């Protein structure tokens, strides 16, 4: 069974603006385990975080769960996790506009660079994430 990758989009906090919508990657592995990987924080203070056995459906702030890709089971869970977790959080002065939405794109690009995810899958997933962020209710 392949690993399924989703993009999670959560309602913005404290107000639901497109720039405040939180995004993350959600991975369902062949072994039945699952993990949410994302960056948290604010400008200049983002940190990577992984939550094992997190169920996004239980979150009242989840607004979209976007299927992004399926990775063949020939690629190990450890390899996928290490690729995603190695995606840097950008905290320099030049990156003040950088956020979790861009981190998701960067992580998918790393998976594409390793040929785990196709460019077409990555592009379609990022487009769907942007569309979901644009649907913010308080915009």
N, C-alpha and C. Protein backbone atom coordinates (compact mmCIF):
# COMPACT_ATOMS: atom_id res chain seq x y z
N UNK A 1 0.84 -1.18 0.00
CA UNK A 1 0.00 0.00 0.00
C UNK A 1 0.89 1.25 0.00
N UNK A 2 0.60 2.21 -0.85
CA UNK A 2 1.45 3.41 -0.92
C UNK A 2 1.24 4.34 0.28
N UNK A 3 2.22 5.21 0.48
CA UNK A 3 2.07 6.29 1.45
C UNK A 3 1.24 7.38 0.80
N UNK A 4 0.24 7.84 1.51
CA UNK A 4 -0.62 8.92 1.00
C UNK A 4 -0.21 10.22 1.66
N UNK A 5 -0.04 11.24 0.83
CA UNK A 5 0.34 12.57 1.32
C UNK A 5 -0.82 13.52 1.07
N UNK A 6 -1.17 14.26 2.11
CA UNK A 6 -2.23 15.26 2.04
C UNK A 6 -1.68 16.60 2.50
N UNK A 7 -2.31 17.67 2.03
CA UNK A 7 -2.07 18.99 2.59
C UNK A 7 -3.28 19.31 3.47
N UNK A 8 -3.01 19.68 4.71
CA UNK A 8 -4.06 20.11 5.62
C UNK A 8 -4.11 21.64 5.62
N UNK A 9 -5.31 22.18 5.56
CA UNK A 9 -5.50 23.63 5.64
C UNK A 9 -6.44 23.90 6.82
N UNK A 10 -5.97 24.74 7.75
CA UNK A 10 -6.73 25.06 8.95
C UNK A 10 -7.17 26.52 8.91
N UNK A 11 -8.30 26.79 9.51
CA UNK A 11 -8.84 28.15 9.61
C UNK A 11 -7.82 29.06 10.29
N UNK A 12 -7.74 30.28 9.81
CA UNK A 12 -6.80 31.25 10.38
C UNK A 12 -7.14 31.64 11.81
N UNK A 13 -6.11 31.97 12.56
CA UNK A 13 -6.28 32.35 13.96
C UNK A 13 -5.37 33.55 14.24
N UNK A 14 -5.83 34.62 14.76
CA UNK A 14 -7.09 34.86 15.45
C UNK A 14 -8.26 35.19 14.52
N UNK A 15 -7.99 35.61 13.30
CA UNK A 15 -9.05 35.82 12.32
C UNK A 15 -8.73 34.98 11.09
N UNK A 16 -9.77 34.61 10.35
CA UNK A 16 -9.59 33.72 9.21
C UNK A 16 -9.26 34.52 7.94
N UNK A 17 -8.01 34.98 7.87
CA UNK A 17 -7.49 35.64 6.68
C UNK A 17 -6.60 34.67 5.93
N UNK A 18 -6.48 34.84 4.61
CA UNK A 18 -5.68 33.89 3.82
C UNK A 18 -4.25 33.78 4.33
N UNK A 19 -3.67 34.89 4.78
CA UNK A 19 -2.28 34.83 5.26
C UNK A 19 -2.16 34.14 6.62
N UNK A 20 -3.28 34.00 7.34
CA UNK A 20 -3.26 33.33 8.64
C UNK A 20 -3.71 31.87 8.57
N UNK A 21 -4.13 31.41 7.40
CA UNK A 21 -4.52 30.00 7.30
C UNK A 21 -3.27 29.14 7.49
N UNK A 22 -3.37 28.17 8.40
CA UNK A 22 -2.24 27.31 8.69
C UNK A 22 -2.28 26.08 7.79
N UNK A 23 -1.13 25.68 7.28
CA UNK A 23 -1.04 24.50 6.43
C UNK A 23 0.01 23.55 6.96
N UNK A 24 -0.18 22.27 6.63
CA UNK A 24 0.72 21.22 7.09
C UNK A 24 0.66 20.07 6.11
N UNK A 25 1.64 19.19 6.18
CA UNK A 25 1.58 17.93 5.44
C UNK A 25 1.11 16.84 6.39
N UNK A 26 0.26 15.98 5.87
CA UNK A 26 -0.24 14.84 6.64
C UNK A 26 0.12 13.59 5.85
N UNK A 27 0.77 12.64 6.50
CA UNK A 27 1.27 11.43 5.84
C UNK A 27 0.60 10.20 6.44
N UNK A 28 0.00 9.38 5.58
CA UNK A 28 -0.56 8.09 5.99
C UNK A 28 0.34 7.01 5.41
N UNK A 29 1.02 6.29 6.29
CA UNK A 29 2.00 5.30 5.86
C UNK A 29 1.37 3.91 5.71
N UNK A 30 2.02 3.08 4.91
CA UNK A 30 1.53 1.73 4.63
C UNK A 30 1.36 0.91 5.90
N UNK A 31 2.19 1.14 6.90
CA UNK A 31 2.14 0.38 8.15
C UNK A 31 0.95 0.76 9.01
N UNK A 32 0.17 1.75 8.57
CA UNK A 32 -0.99 2.18 9.34
C UNK A 32 -0.71 3.34 10.27
N UNK A 33 0.53 3.79 10.31
CA UNK A 33 0.86 4.96 11.13
C UNK A 33 0.61 6.23 10.32
N UNK A 34 0.53 7.33 11.01
CA UNK A 34 0.33 8.60 10.32
C UNK A 34 1.01 9.71 11.11
N UNK A 35 1.33 10.78 10.40
CA UNK A 35 2.08 11.87 11.01
C UNK A 35 1.72 13.19 10.34
N UNK A 36 1.62 14.24 11.16
CA UNK A 36 1.46 15.59 10.63
C UNK A 36 2.81 16.29 10.80
N UNK A 37 3.28 16.92 9.73
CA UNK A 37 4.55 17.63 9.76
C UNK A 37 4.30 19.05 9.28
N UNK A 38 4.84 20.02 10.05
CA UNK A 38 4.59 21.42 9.72
C UNK A 38 5.58 22.31 10.45
N UNK A 39 5.50 23.60 10.15
CA UNK A 39 6.26 24.58 10.94
C UNK A 39 5.25 25.43 11.71
N UNK A 40 5.65 25.78 12.91
CA UNK A 40 4.82 26.63 13.75
C UNK A 40 5.64 27.84 14.17
N UNK A 41 4.95 28.88 14.58
CA UNK A 41 5.65 30.08 15.03
C UNK A 41 5.20 31.29 14.25
N UNK A 42 6.09 32.26 14.20
CA UNK A 42 5.81 33.51 13.51
C UNK A 42 7.09 34.00 12.84
N UNK A 43 7.00 35.11 12.14
CA UNK A 43 8.14 35.63 11.39
C UNK A 43 9.42 35.61 12.21
N UNK A 44 10.42 34.95 11.65
CA UNK A 44 11.73 34.89 12.29
C UNK A 44 11.87 33.86 13.39
N UNK A 45 10.76 33.18 13.74
CA UNK A 45 10.80 32.22 14.85
C UNK A 45 10.08 30.91 14.51
N UNK A 46 10.08 30.51 13.25
CA UNK A 46 9.44 29.26 12.86
C UNK A 46 10.27 28.07 13.30
N UNK A 47 9.59 27.01 13.74
CA UNK A 47 10.26 25.75 14.10
C UNK A 47 9.48 24.59 13.49
N UNK A 48 10.21 23.56 13.12
CA UNK A 48 9.60 22.35 12.58
C UNK A 48 8.98 21.54 13.71
N UNK A 49 7.85 20.93 13.42
CA UNK A 49 7.18 20.08 14.41
C UNK A 49 6.56 18.89 13.69
N UNK A 50 6.67 17.72 14.29
CA UNK A 50 6.01 16.51 13.78
C UNK A 50 5.12 15.95 14.87
N UNK A 51 3.90 15.61 14.50
CA UNK A 51 2.96 15.00 15.44
C UNK A 51 2.63 13.61 14.94
N UNK A 52 2.96 12.61 15.72
CA UNK A 52 2.67 11.23 15.36
C UNK A 52 1.27 10.87 15.83
N UNK A 53 0.58 10.08 15.03
CA UNK A 53 -0.77 9.61 15.34
C UNK A 53 -1.76 10.75 15.56
N UNK A 54 -1.55 11.85 14.90
CA UNK A 54 -2.48 12.98 14.94
C UNK A 54 -3.62 12.71 13.97
N UNK A 55 -4.84 12.95 14.39
CA UNK A 55 -6.00 12.77 13.52
C UNK A 55 -6.59 14.14 13.19
N UNK A 56 -6.34 14.65 12.00
CA UNK A 56 -6.78 16.01 11.65
C UNK A 56 -8.30 16.16 11.61
N UNK A 57 -9.00 15.08 11.35
CA UNK A 57 -10.45 15.14 11.25
C UNK A 57 -11.08 15.58 12.58
N UNK A 58 -10.38 15.37 13.68
CA UNK A 58 -10.90 15.75 14.99
C UNK A 58 -10.73 17.24 15.28
N UNK A 59 -9.99 17.95 14.44
CA UNK A 59 -9.76 19.38 14.66
C UNK A 59 -10.94 20.19 14.13
N UNK A 60 -11.48 21.06 14.97
CA UNK A 60 -12.58 21.92 14.55
C UNK A 60 -12.12 23.02 13.60
N UNK A 61 -10.81 23.25 13.52
CA UNK A 61 -10.32 24.31 12.64
C UNK A 61 -9.89 23.80 11.26
N UNK A 62 -9.93 22.48 11.04
CA UNK A 62 -9.59 21.94 9.72
C UNK A 62 -10.66 22.33 8.71
N UNK A 63 -10.23 22.95 7.60
CA UNK A 63 -11.18 23.33 6.56
C UNK A 63 -11.00 22.52 5.28
N UNK A 64 -9.81 22.00 5.04
CA UNK A 64 -9.58 21.18 3.83
C UNK A 64 -8.50 20.15 4.10
N UNK A 65 -8.70 18.98 3.53
CA UNK A 65 -7.70 17.91 3.52
C UNK A 65 -7.51 17.55 2.05
N UNK A 66 -6.44 18.04 1.47
CA UNK A 66 -6.22 17.96 0.02
C UNK A 66 -5.30 16.79 -0.31
N UNK A 67 -5.78 15.82 -1.09
CA UNK A 67 -4.88 14.74 -1.53
C UNK A 67 -3.78 15.33 -2.41
N UNK A 68 -2.53 15.05 -2.05
CA UNK A 68 -1.40 15.62 -2.80
C UNK A 68 -0.71 14.58 -3.67
N UNK A 69 -0.45 13.40 -3.11
CA UNK A 69 0.30 12.39 -3.86
C UNK A 69 0.23 11.05 -3.15
N UNK A 70 0.57 10.01 -3.90
CA UNK A 70 0.78 8.69 -3.33
C UNK A 70 2.20 8.28 -3.68
N UNK A 71 2.95 7.89 -2.66
CA UNK A 71 4.35 7.50 -2.82
C UNK A 71 4.41 5.98 -2.77
N UNK A 72 5.06 5.33 -3.74
CA UNK A 72 5.13 3.87 -3.76
C UNK A 72 5.69 3.30 -2.46
N UNK A 73 5.19 2.14 -2.08
CA UNK A 73 5.65 1.53 -0.82
C UNK A 73 7.10 1.07 -0.89
N UNK A 74 7.72 1.14 -2.06
CA UNK A 74 9.15 0.83 -2.17
C UNK A 74 10.01 1.93 -1.53
N UNK A 75 9.41 3.08 -1.27
CA UNK A 75 10.12 4.18 -0.60
C UNK A 75 9.73 4.13 0.87
N UNK A 76 10.71 4.03 1.72
CA UNK A 76 10.45 3.79 3.15
C UNK A 76 9.84 4.99 3.86
N UNK A 77 9.13 4.67 4.93
CA UNK A 77 8.57 5.70 5.81
C UNK A 77 9.69 6.61 6.34
N UNK A 78 10.79 6.00 6.75
CA UNK A 78 11.91 6.77 7.29
C UNK A 78 12.48 7.74 6.26
N UNK A 79 12.57 7.31 5.01
CA UNK A 79 13.11 8.18 3.96
C UNK A 79 12.18 9.36 3.69
N UNK A 80 10.89 9.11 3.67
CA UNK A 80 9.92 10.19 3.45
C UNK A 80 9.98 11.18 4.61
N UNK A 81 9.96 10.65 5.84
CA UNK A 81 10.01 11.52 7.02
C UNK A 81 11.29 12.35 7.06
N UNK A 82 12.41 11.73 6.74
CA UNK A 82 13.68 12.48 6.81
C UNK A 82 13.74 13.55 5.73
N UNK A 83 13.17 13.27 4.56
CA UNK A 83 13.14 14.26 3.49
C UNK A 83 12.30 15.47 3.89
N UNK A 84 11.11 15.20 4.42
CA UNK A 84 10.22 16.29 4.82
C UNK A 84 10.81 17.06 6.01
N UNK A 85 11.29 16.34 7.01
CA UNK A 85 11.79 17.01 8.22
C UNK A 85 13.06 17.82 7.96
N UNK A 86 13.76 17.52 6.87
CA UNK A 86 14.97 18.29 6.52
C UNK A 86 14.64 19.59 5.80
N UNK A 87 13.36 19.84 5.52
CA UNK A 87 12.96 21.09 4.88
C UNK A 87 13.17 22.22 5.87
N UNK A 88 14.02 23.18 5.53
CA UNK A 88 14.34 24.22 6.52
C UNK A 88 13.21 25.21 6.76
N UNK A 89 13.14 25.67 7.99
CA UNK A 89 12.29 26.82 8.34
C UNK A 89 13.13 28.06 8.07
N UNK A 90 12.58 28.99 7.34
CA UNK A 90 13.33 30.19 6.96
C UNK A 90 13.03 31.32 7.94
N UNK A 91 14.07 31.74 8.65
CA UNK A 91 13.90 32.74 9.70
C UNK A 91 14.81 33.95 9.56
N UNK A 92 15.38 34.16 8.38
CA UNK A 92 16.30 35.29 8.22
C UNK A 92 15.52 36.59 7.95
N UNK A 93 16.22 37.69 7.99
CA UNK A 93 15.60 38.99 7.73
C UNK A 93 15.04 39.07 6.31
N UNK A 94 15.63 38.31 5.39
CA UNK A 94 15.17 38.32 4.00
C UNK A 94 13.89 37.51 3.82
N UNK A 95 13.49 36.76 4.83
CA UNK A 95 12.35 35.84 4.72
C UNK A 95 11.15 36.28 5.55
N UNK A 96 10.97 37.56 5.75
CA UNK A 96 9.89 38.03 6.62
C UNK A 96 8.50 37.72 6.08
N UNK A 97 8.37 37.48 4.77
CA UNK A 97 7.08 37.11 4.19
C UNK A 97 6.88 35.60 4.13
N UNK A 98 7.87 34.83 4.57
CA UNK A 98 7.82 33.37 4.52
C UNK A 98 6.89 32.85 5.62
N UNK A 99 6.18 31.74 5.34
CA UNK A 99 5.25 31.18 6.33
C UNK A 99 5.07 29.68 6.12
N UNK A 100 4.15 29.10 6.86
CA UNK A 100 3.91 27.65 6.80
C UNK A 100 3.42 27.22 5.43
N UNK A 101 2.70 28.09 4.73
CA UNK A 101 2.22 27.75 3.39
C UNK A 101 3.40 27.54 2.44
N UNK A 102 4.39 28.40 2.54
CA UNK A 102 5.58 28.25 1.70
C UNK A 102 6.41 27.04 2.12
N UNK A 103 6.42 26.72 3.41
CA UNK A 103 7.13 25.53 3.88
C UNK A 103 6.53 24.28 3.25
N UNK A 104 5.20 24.20 3.17
CA UNK A 104 4.56 23.04 2.54
C UNK A 104 5.03 22.91 1.10
N UNK A 105 5.06 24.02 0.37
CA UNK A 105 5.56 23.99 -1.01
C UNK A 105 7.01 23.55 -1.07
N UNK A 106 7.83 24.05 -0.15
CA UNK A 106 9.25 23.66 -0.10
C UNK A 106 9.40 22.17 0.18
N UNK A 107 8.60 21.65 1.11
CA UNK A 107 8.68 20.22 1.46
C UNK A 107 8.25 19.35 0.27
N UNK A 108 7.19 19.75 -0.42
CA UNK A 108 6.77 19.00 -1.60
C UNK A 108 7.83 19.06 -2.70
N UNK A 109 8.51 20.19 -2.82
CA UNK A 109 9.59 20.31 -3.80
C UNK A 109 10.73 19.36 -3.46
N UNK A 110 11.07 19.23 -2.18
CA UNK A 110 12.11 18.29 -1.76
C UNK A 110 11.71 16.85 -2.14
N UNK A 111 10.43 16.53 -1.94
CA UNK A 111 9.95 15.19 -2.31
C UNK A 111 10.00 15.01 -3.83
N UNK A 112 9.73 16.08 -4.57
CA UNK A 112 9.82 16.04 -6.03
C UNK A 112 11.27 15.87 -6.48
N UNK A 113 12.18 16.57 -5.82
CA UNK A 113 13.60 16.47 -6.16
C UNK A 113 14.13 15.05 -5.98
N UNK A 114 13.53 14.29 -5.07
CA UNK A 114 13.95 12.90 -4.83
C UNK A 114 13.13 11.92 -5.67
N UNK A 115 12.27 12.44 -6.53
CA UNK A 115 11.39 11.64 -7.39
C UNK A 115 10.40 10.79 -6.60
N UNK A 116 10.00 11.26 -5.42
CA UNK A 116 8.95 10.60 -4.64
C UNK A 116 7.57 11.09 -5.08
N UNK A 117 7.53 12.34 -5.53
CA UNK A 117 6.30 13.01 -5.96
C UNK A 117 6.59 13.64 -7.31
N UNK A 118 5.64 13.56 -8.24
CA UNK A 118 5.87 14.17 -9.56
C UNK A 118 5.66 15.68 -9.48
N UNK A 119 6.24 16.38 -10.44
CA UNK A 119 6.07 17.84 -10.51
C UNK A 119 4.59 18.18 -10.71
N UNK A 120 3.90 17.38 -11.49
CA UNK A 120 2.48 17.62 -11.74
C UNK A 120 1.66 17.47 -10.45
N UNK A 121 1.98 16.43 -9.66
CA UNK A 121 1.28 16.24 -8.38
C UNK A 121 1.56 17.42 -7.45
N UNK A 122 2.83 17.80 -7.36
CA UNK A 122 3.21 18.92 -6.50
C UNK A 122 2.48 20.19 -6.91
N UNK A 123 2.51 20.51 -8.20
CA UNK A 123 1.89 21.75 -8.68
C UNK A 123 0.39 21.76 -8.44
N UNK A 124 -0.28 20.63 -8.69
CA UNK A 124 -1.73 20.55 -8.48
C UNK A 124 -2.06 20.69 -6.99
N UNK A 125 -1.25 20.07 -6.14
CA UNK A 125 -1.49 20.15 -4.69
C UNK A 125 -1.30 21.58 -4.19
N UNK A 126 -0.24 22.24 -4.64
CA UNK A 126 0.01 23.62 -4.22
C UNK A 126 -1.11 24.54 -4.72
N UNK A 127 -1.56 24.34 -5.95
CA UNK A 127 -2.67 25.15 -6.47
C UNK A 127 -3.92 24.97 -5.62
N UNK A 128 -4.22 23.72 -5.24
CA UNK A 128 -5.39 23.45 -4.40
C UNK A 128 -5.24 24.08 -3.02
N UNK A 129 -4.01 24.06 -2.47
CA UNK A 129 -3.76 24.69 -1.17
C UNK A 129 -3.99 26.20 -1.26
N UNK A 130 -3.48 26.82 -2.31
CA UNK A 130 -3.67 28.26 -2.49
C UNK A 130 -5.15 28.59 -2.60
N UNK A 131 -5.89 27.79 -3.38
CA UNK A 131 -7.34 28.00 -3.51
C UNK A 131 -8.02 27.91 -2.14
N UNK A 132 -7.63 26.91 -1.33
CA UNK A 132 -8.23 26.75 -0.01
C UNK A 132 -7.90 27.93 0.90
N UNK A 133 -6.70 28.45 0.79
CA UNK A 133 -6.32 29.62 1.60
C UNK A 133 -7.08 30.87 1.16
N UNK A 134 -7.36 30.97 -0.13
CA UNK A 134 -8.09 32.13 -0.66
C UNK A 134 -9.55 32.13 -0.21
N UNK A 135 -10.05 31.01 0.28
CA UNK A 135 -11.44 30.90 0.73
C UNK A 135 -11.63 31.39 2.16
N UNK A 136 -10.63 32.02 2.74
CA UNK A 136 -10.72 32.50 4.12
C UNK A 136 -11.98 33.36 4.30
N UNK A 137 -12.70 33.11 5.38
CA UNK A 137 -14.01 33.73 5.59
C UNK A 137 -13.94 35.21 5.97
N UNK A 138 -12.88 35.65 6.60
CA UNK A 138 -12.81 37.03 7.08
C UNK A 138 -12.06 37.95 6.12
N UNK A 139 -11.79 37.48 4.92
CA UNK A 139 -11.02 38.25 3.93
C UNK A 139 -11.84 39.39 3.39
